[in-house]
Every structure is written in C-alpha cells, then in structure tokens.
PDB file of N, CA and C in Angstrom:
ATOM      1  N   MET A   1     -12.123  -3.718 -13.663  1.00  0.00           N
ATOM      2  CA  MET A   1     -12.275  -2.902 -12.519  1.00  0.00           C
ATOM      3  C   MET A   1     -13.245  -1.658 -12.844  1.00  0.00           C
ATOM      4  N   ALA A   2     -14.078  -1.623 -11.727  1.00  0.00           N
ATOM      5  CA  ALA A   2     -15.041  -0.435 -11.802  1.00  0.00           C
ATOM      6  C   ALA A   2     -14.450   0.923 -11.822  1.00  0.00           C
ATOM      7  N   GLU A   3     -14.832   1.778 -12.607  1.00  0.00           N
ATOM      8  CA  GLU A   3     -14.315   3.056 -12.606  1.00  0.00           C
ATOM      9  C   GLU A   3     -14.420   3.747 -11.307  1.00  0.00           C
ATOM     10  N   CYS A   4     -15.244   3.566 -10.475  1.00  0.00           N
ATOM     11  CA  CYS A   4     -15.365   3.997  -9.183  1.00  0.00           C
ATOM     12  C   CYS A   4     -14.198   3.982  -8.229  1.00  0.00           C
ATOM     13  N   ASN A   5     -13.393   2.643  -8.727  1.00  0.00           N
ATOM     14  CA  ASN A   5     -12.240   2.362  -7.797  1.00  0.00           C
ATOM     15  C   ASN A   5     -10.885   2.766  -8.389  1.00  0.00           C
ATOM     16  N   TRP A   6     -10.959   3.601  -9.665  1.00  0.00           N
ATOM     17  CA  TRP A   6      -9.852   3.954 -10.151  1.00  0.00           C
ATOM     18  C   TRP A   6      -8.855   4.724  -9.534  1.00  0.00           C
ATOM     19  N   GLU A   7      -9.474   5.832  -8.821  1.00  0.00           N
ATOM     20  CA  GLU A   7      -8.637   6.817  -7.854  1.00  0.00           C
ATOM     21  C   GLU A   7      -7.895   5.835  -6.727  1.00  0.00           C
ATOM     22  N   SER A   8      -8.726   5.093  -6.312  1.00  0.00           N
ATOM     23  CA  SER A   8      -8.098   4.369  -5.114  1.00  0.00           C
ATOM     24  C   SER A   8      -7.005   3.500  -5.472  1.00  0.00           C
ATOM     25  N   LEU A   9      -7.102   2.925  -6.768  1.00  0.00           N
ATOM     26  CA  LEU A   9      -5.897   2.062  -7.229  1.00  0.00           C
ATOM     27  C   LEU A   9      -4.776   2.993  -7.560  1.00  0.00           C
ATOM     28  N   GLN A  10      -4.969   4.089  -8.130  1.00  0.00           N
ATOM     29  CA  GLN A  10      -3.920   5.050  -8.350  1.00  0.00           C
ATOM     30  C   GLN A  10      -3.291   5.525  -7.271  1.00  0.00           C
ATOM     31  N   SER A  11      -4.070   5.630  -6.190  1.00  0.00           N
ATOM     32  CA  SER A  11      -3.440   6.094  -4.843  1.00  0.00           C
ATOM     33  C   SER A  11      -2.542   5.005  -4.297  1.00  0.00           C
ATOM     34  N   PHE A  12      -2.947   3.888  -4.358  1.00  0.00           N
ATOM     35  CA  PHE A  12      -2.044   2.589  -3.953  1.00  0.00           C
ATOM     36  C   PHE A  12      -0.805   2.548  -4.685  1.00  0.00           C
ATOM     37  N   LEU A  13      -1.101   2.726  -6.130  1.00  0.00           N
ATOM     38  CA  LEU A  13       0.020   2.604  -6.939  1.00  0.00           C
ATOM     39  C   LEU A  13       1.167   3.775  -6.833  1.00  0.00           C
ATOM     40  N   ALA A  14       0.823   5.143  -6.359  1.00  0.00           N
ATOM     41  CA  ALA A  14       1.432   6.098  -6.136  1.00  0.00           C
ATOM     42  C   ALA A  14       2.257   5.856  -4.936  1.00  0.00           C
ATOM     43  N   CYS A  15       1.887   4.974  -4.106  1.00  0.00           N
ATOM     44  CA  CYS A  15       2.628   4.625  -2.741  1.00  0.00           C
ATOM     45  C   CYS A  15       3.424   3.391  -2.901  1.00  0.00           C
ATOM     46  N   ASP A  16       3.474   2.748  -4.097  1.00  0.00           N
ATOM     47  CA  ASP A  16       4.041   1.384  -4.266  1.00  0.00           C
ATOM     48  C   ASP A  16       5.673   1.351  -3.810  1.00  0.00           C
ATOM     49  N   SER A  17       6.185   2.385  -3.721  1.00  0.00           N
ATOM     50  CA  SER A  17       7.763   2.352  -3.353  1.00  0.00           C
ATOM     51  C   SER A  17       7.748   2.688  -1.969  1.00  0.00           C
ATOM     52  N   GLN A  18       6.735   2.717  -1.137  1.00  0.00           N
ATOM     53  CA  GLN A  18       6.694   3.159   0.291  1.00  0.00           C
ATOM     54  C   GLN A  18       6.574   2.112   1.300  1.00  0.00           C
ATOM     55  N   TRP A  19       6.788   0.781   0.917  1.00  0.00           N
ATOM     56  CA  TRP A  19       6.645  -0.329   1.769  1.00  0.00           C
ATOM     57  C   TRP A  19       7.796  -0.304   2.918  1.00  0.00           C
ATOM     58  N   ARG A  20       7.378  -0.686   4.077  1.00  0.00           N
ATOM     59  CA  ARG A  20       8.295  -0.991   5.223  1.00  0.00           C
ATOM     60  C   ARG A  20       8.454  -2.377   5.139  1.00  0.00           C
ATOM     61  N   THR A  21       9.925  -2.907   5.210  1.00  0.00           N
ATOM     62  CA  THR A  21      10.241  -4.219   5.213  1.00  0.00           C
ATOM     63  C   THR A  21      11.270  -4.467   6.337  1.00  0.00           C
ATOM     64  N   SER A  22      11.400  -5.745   6.723  1.00  0.00           N
ATOM     65  CA  SER A  22      12.417  -6.107   7.777  1.00  0.00           C
ATOM     66  C   SER A  22      13.093  -7.468   7.279  1.00  0.00           C
ATOM     67  N   GLY A  23      14.494  -7.353   7.393  1.00  0.00           N
ATOM     68  CA  GLY A  23      15.222  -8.561   6.879  1.00  0.00           C
ATOM     69  C   GLY A  23      15.160  -9.518   7.995  1.00  0.00           C
ATOM     70  N   VAL A  24      14.986 -10.891   7.681  1.00  0.00           N
ATOM     71  CA  VAL A  24      14.783 -12.054   8.385  1.00  0.00           C
ATOM     72  C   VAL A  24      15.912 -13.069   7.923  1.00  0.00           C
ATOM     73  N   GLY A  25      16.757 -13.254   8.824  1.00  0.00           N
ATOM     74  CA  GLY A  25      17.576 -14.499   8.473  1.00  0.00           C
ATOM     75  C   GLY A  25      18.558 -14.090   7.362  1.00  0.00           C
ATOM     76  N   LEU A  26      18.980 -15.179   6.682  1.00  0.00           N
ATOM     77  CA  LEU A  26      19.836 -14.904   5.502  1.00  0.00           C
ATOM     78  C   LEU A  26      18.822 -14.610   4.320  1.00  0.00           C
ATOM     79  N   GLY A  27      18.762 -13.455   3.887  1.00  0.00           N
ATOM     80  CA  GLY A  27      18.106 -13.129   2.449  1.00  0.00           C
ATOM     81  C   GLY A  27      16.458 -13.297   2.677  1.00  0.00           C
ATOM     82  N   GLY A  28      15.932 -13.419   3.988  1.00  0.00           N
ATOM     83  CA  GLY A  28      14.630 -13.451   4.159  1.00  0.00           C
ATOM     84  C   GLY A  28      14.035 -11.901   4.088  1.00  0.00           C
ATOM     85  N   LEU A  29      12.917 -11.704   3.951  1.00  0.00           N
ATOM     86  CA  LEU A  29      12.334 -10.273   3.895  1.00  0.00           C
ATOM     87  C   LEU A  29      10.736 -10.457   4.350  1.00  0.00           C
ATOM     88  N   VAL A  30      10.442  -9.572   5.303  1.00  0.00           N
ATOM     89  CA  VAL A  30       8.917  -9.560   5.770  1.00  0.00           C
ATOM     90  C   VAL A  30       8.638  -8.167   5.417  1.00  0.00           C
ATOM     91  N   TRP A  31       7.314  -8.105   4.728  1.00  0.00           N
ATOM     92  CA  TRP A  31       6.757  -6.935   4.536  1.00  0.00           C
ATOM     93  C   TRP A  31       5.920  -6.583   5.710  1.00  0.00           C
ATOM     94  N   ILE A  32       6.068  -5.373   6.201  1.00  0.00           N
ATOM     95  CA  ILE A  32       5.400  -4.920   7.353  1.00  0.00           C
ATOM     96  C   ILE A  32       4.180  -4.169   6.943  1.00  0.00           C
ATOM     97  N   GLY A  33       4.405  -3.328   6.084  1.00  0.00           N
ATOM     98  CA  GLY A  33       3.205  -2.302   5.655  1.00  0.00           C
ATOM     99  C   GLY A  33       3.784  -0.993   5.053  1.00  0.00           C
ATOM    100  N   LEU A  34       2.835  -0.486   4.766  1.00  0.00           N
ATOM    101  CA  LEU A  34       3.177   0.959   4.113  1.00  0.00           C
ATOM    102  C   LEU A  34       3.490   2.120   5.250  1.00  0.00           C
ATOM    103  N   ASP A  35       4.531   2.853   4.657  1.00  0.00           N
ATOM    104  CA  ASP A  35       5.004   4.004   5.361  1.00  0.00           C
ATOM    105  C   ASP A  35       3.809   5.266   5.292  1.00  0.00           C
ATOM    106  N   TYR A  36       2.939   5.150   6.210  1.00  0.00           N
ATOM    107  CA  TYR A  36       1.866   6.047   6.141  1.00  0.00           C
ATOM    108  C   TYR A  36       2.373   7.572   5.952  1.00  0.00           C
ATOM    109  N   THR A  37       3.488   8.063   6.610  1.00  0.00           N
ATOM    110  CA  THR A  37       3.884   9.360   6.483  1.00  0.00           C
ATOM    111  C   THR A  37       4.475   9.731   4.952  1.00  0.00           C
ATOM    112  N   ALA A  38       5.007   8.852   4.386  1.00  0.00           N
ATOM    113  CA  ALA A  38       5.495   8.937   2.971  1.00  0.00           C
ATOM    114  C   ALA A  38       4.099   8.922   2.086  1.00  0.00           C
ATOM    115  N   CYS A  39       3.247   8.109   2.268  1.00  0.00           N
ATOM    116  CA  CYS A  39       1.879   7.838   1.661  1.00  0.00           C
ATOM    117  C   CYS A  39       1.018   9.421   1.679  1.00  0.00           C
ATOM    118  N   ASP A  40       1.250  10.021   2.956  1.00  0.00           N
ATOM    119  CA  ASP A  40       0.487  11.051   3.014  1.00  0.00           C
ATOM    120  C   ASP A  40       0.982  12.032   2.063  1.00  0.00           C
ATOM    121  N   VAL A  41       2.296  12.115   1.936  1.00  0.00           N
ATOM    122  CA  VAL A  41       3.081  13.044   1.030  1.00  0.00           C
ATOM    123  C   VAL A  41       2.483  12.862  -0.407  1.00  0.00           C
ATOM    124  N   SER A  42       2.360  11.668  -0.750  1.00  0.00           N
ATOM    125  CA  SER A  42       1.905  11.236  -2.292  1.00  0.00           C
ATOM    126  C   SER A  42       0.334  11.708  -2.177  1.00  0.00           C
ATOM    127  N   PHE A  43      -0.370  11.547  -1.181  1.00  0.00           N
ATOM    128  CA  PHE A  43      -1.862  11.836  -1.130  1.00  0.00           C
ATOM    129  C   PHE A  43      -1.968  13.238  -1.503  1.00  0.00           C
ATOM    130  N   ARG A  44      -1.201  13.933  -0.766  1.00  0.00           N
ATOM    131  CA  ARG A  44      -1.222  15.581  -0.941  1.00  0.00           C
ATOM    132  C   ARG A  44      -0.771  16.029  -2.354  1.00  0.00           C
ATOM    133  N   ARG A  45       0.397  15.329  -2.423  1.00  0.00           N
ATOM    134  CA  ARG A  45       1.067  15.971  -3.759  1.00  0.00           C
ATOM    135  C   ARG A  45       0.043  15.618  -5.134  1.00  0.00           C
ATOM    136  N   TYR A  46      -0.358  14.593  -5.082  1.00  0.00           N
ATOM    137  CA  TYR A  46      -1.245  14.244  -6.251  1.00  0.00           C
ATOM    138  C   TYR A  46      -2.710  14.553  -5.957  1.00  0.00           C
ATOM    139  N   GLY A  47      -3.137  14.925  -4.794  1.00  0.00           N
ATOM    140  CA  GLY A  47      -4.563  15.357  -4.616  1.00  0.00           C
ATOM    141  C   GLY A  47      -5.574  14.376  -4.619  1.00  0.00           C
ATOM    142  N   PHE A  48      -5.283  13.131  -4.144  1.00  0.00           N
ATOM    143  CA  PHE A  48      -6.336  12.034  -3.987  1.00  0.00           C
ATOM    144  C   PHE A  48      -7.355  12.404  -3.017  1.00  0.00           C
ATOM    145  N   ALA A  49      -8.478  11.940  -3.239  1.00  0.00           N
ATOM    146  CA  ALA A  49      -9.609  12.359  -2.428  1.00  0.00           C
ATOM    147  C   ALA A  49      -9.222  11.448  -0.900  1.00  0.00           C
ATOM    148  N   GLU A  50      -9.984  12.288   0.170  1.00  0.00           N
ATOM    149  CA  GLU A  50      -9.660  11.703   1.445  1.00  0.00           C
ATOM    150  C   GLU A  50     -10.192  10.291   1.772  1.00  0.00           C
ATOM    151  N   GLY A  51     -11.377   9.903   0.997  1.00  0.00           N
ATOM    152  CA  GLY A  51     -11.835   8.691   0.933  1.00  0.00           C
ATOM    153  C   GLY A  51     -10.831   7.497   0.524  1.00  0.00           C
ATOM    154  N   CYS A  52      -9.989   7.963  -0.364  1.00  0.00           N
ATOM    155  CA  CYS A  52      -9.129   6.827  -0.742  1.00  0.00           C
ATOM    156  C   CYS A  52      -8.222   6.330   0.248  1.00  0.00           C
ATOM    157  N   TRP A  53      -8.048   7.066   1.394  1.00  0.00           N
ATOM    158  CA  TRP A  53      -7.120   6.780   2.540  1.00  0.00           C
ATOM    159  C   TRP A  53      -7.630   5.246   2.906  1.00  0.00           C
ATOM    160  N   ASP A  54      -8.886   5.201   3.214  1.00  0.00           N
ATOM    161  CA  ASP A  54      -9.440   4.077   3.644  1.00  0.00           C
ATOM    162  C   ASP A  54      -9.324   2.860   2.659  1.00  0.00           C
ATOM    163  N   ASP A  55      -9.306   3.158   1.481  1.00  0.00           N
ATOM    164  CA  ASP A  55      -9.139   2.204   0.312  1.00  0.00           C
ATOM    165  C   ASP A  55      -7.817   1.697   0.447  1.00  0.00           C
ATOM    166  N   LEU A  56      -6.816   2.693   0.421  1.00  0.00           N
ATOM    167  CA  LEU A  56      -5.449   2.307   0.557  1.00  0.00           C
ATOM    168  C   LEU A  56      -4.997   1.245   1.637  1.00  0.00           C
ATOM    169  N   ARG A  57      -5.744   1.552   2.836  1.00  0.00           N
ATOM    170  CA  ARG A  57      -5.537   0.674   4.067  1.00  0.00           C
ATOM    171  C   ARG A  57      -6.056  -0.696   3.696  1.00  0.00           C
ATOM    172  N   PHE A  58      -7.214  -0.686   3.066  1.00  0.00           N
ATOM    173  CA  PHE A  58      -7.899  -2.114   2.670  1.00  0.00           C
ATOM    174  C   PHE A  58      -7.025  -2.771   1.778  1.00  0.00           C
ATOM    175  N   ILE A  59      -6.627  -2.183   0.810  1.00  0.00           N
ATOM    176  CA  ILE A  59      -5.680  -2.778  -0.369  1.00  0.00           C
ATOM    177  C   ILE A  59      -4.424  -3.305   0.557  1.00  0.00           C
ATOM    178  N   GLU A  60      -3.845  -2.505   1.216  1.00  0.00           N
ATOM    179  CA  GLU A  60      -2.746  -3.011   1.838  1.00  0.00           C
ATOM    180  C   GLU A  60      -2.868  -4.168   2.692  1.00  0.00           C
ATOM    181  N   ASP A  61      -3.863  -4.248   3.434  1.00  0.00           N
ATOM    182  CA  ASP A  61      -4.348  -5.456   4.217  1.00  0.00           C
ATOM    183  C   ASP A  61      -4.618  -6.721   3.415  1.00  0.00           C
ATOM    184  N   VAL A  62      -5.103  -6.562   2.123  1.00  0.00           N
ATOM    185  CA  VAL A  62      -5.076  -7.650   1.288  1.00  0.00           C
ATOM    186  C   VAL A  62      -3.858  -8.114   0.734  1.00  0.00           C
ATOM    187  N   VAL A  63      -3.004  -7.202   0.341  1.00  0.00           N
ATOM    188  CA  VAL A  63      -1.786  -7.478  -0.227  1.00  0.00           C
ATOM    189  C   VAL A  63      -0.689  -8.027   0.804  1.00  0.00           C
ATOM    190  N   LEU A  64      -0.742  -7.545   1.836  1.00  0.00           N
ATOM    191  CA  LEU A  64       0.481  -7.936   2.855  1.00  0.00           C
ATOM    192  C   LEU A  64       0.550  -9.415   2.815  1.00  0.00           C
ATOM    193  N   PRO A  65      -0.443 -10.202   3.339  1.00  0.00           N
ATOM    194  CA  PRO A  65      -0.264 -11.677   3.180  1.00  0.00           C
ATOM    195  C   PRO A  65       0.177 -12.414   1.974  1.00  0.00           C
ATOM    196  N   ILE A  66      -0.057 -11.817   0.778  1.00  0.00           N
ATOM    197  CA  ILE A  66       0.377 -12.268  -0.378  1.00  0.00           C
ATOM    198  C   ILE A  66       1.910 -12.034  -0.430  1.00  0.00           C
ATOM    199  N   LEU A  67       2.282 -10.771  -0.145  1.00  0.00           N
ATOM    200  CA  LEU A  67       3.746 -10.394  -0.336  1.00  0.00           C
ATOM    201  C   LEU A  67       4.566 -11.180   0.722  1.00  0.00           C
ATOM    202  N   ASN A  68       3.924 -11.562   1.882  1.00  0.00           N
ATOM    203  CA  ASN A  68       4.588 -12.399   2.753  1.00  0.00           C
ATOM    204  C   ASN A  68       4.444 -13.818   2.490  1.00  0.00           C
ATOM    205  N   GLY A  69       4.178 -14.456   1.388  1.00  0.00           N
ATOM    206  CA  GLY A  69       4.209 -15.851   0.841  1.00  0.00           C
ATOM    207  C   GLY A  69       2.700 -16.631   1.292  1.00  0.00           C
ATOM    208  N   GLY A  70       1.959 -15.947   1.892  1.00  0.00           N
ATOM    209  CA  GLY A  70       0.510 -16.683   2.106  1.00  0.00           C
ATOM    210  C   GLY A  70      -0.358 -16.352   1.206  1.00  0.00           C
ATOM    211  N   ASP A  71      -1.595 -17.010   1.234  1.00  0.00           N
ATOM    212  CA  ASP A  71      -2.585 -16.738   0.209  1.00  0.00           C
ATOM    213  C   ASP A  71      -3.942 -16.378   0.967  1.00  0.00           C
ATOM    214  N   ASP A  72      -3.922 -15.917   2.107  1.00  0.00           N
ATOM    215  CA  ASP A  72      -5.045 -15.693   2.734  1.00  0.00           C
ATOM    216  C   ASP A  72      -5.792 -14.555   2.366  1.00  0.00           C
TER     217      ASP A  72
END
C-alpha cells in the first residue's frame, strides 16, 4: 500500500464498527452502508484530514458488494 493512502485506510478502519445492516429472512444479513454520523465522530476524534472522507466513501462502495456476497 502506498504511504499516501495510509490515513485513508486508518479512517476506514476507525469506522469498522459503524456498518448499518438489515436482517433478511432467517439469518440473512444485508450490509447497507456506513453510518456517516458515527463516522463523522471518529473523523473528528482522530483528526483525519477532510480529504479522507471521499476516500472512505470510495472504499465503502468497493467493499459493499463483497460484503453482500458479490464480487463486483
């Protein structure tokens, strides 16, 4: 990983417990996305650069299909 992406990765990992999910059927789970209000708290608390917010949303867009069982 390029050093220039380190803070973006750290910001994503700081929000790793802030996923919104929904139950589907018996035991199914759909990952909806990150709770941006909670992520904003992490951003302010840890002092991540404003530019990392766009990176966080990009990473979220890449990860969501994987979490939901696809490989897109």
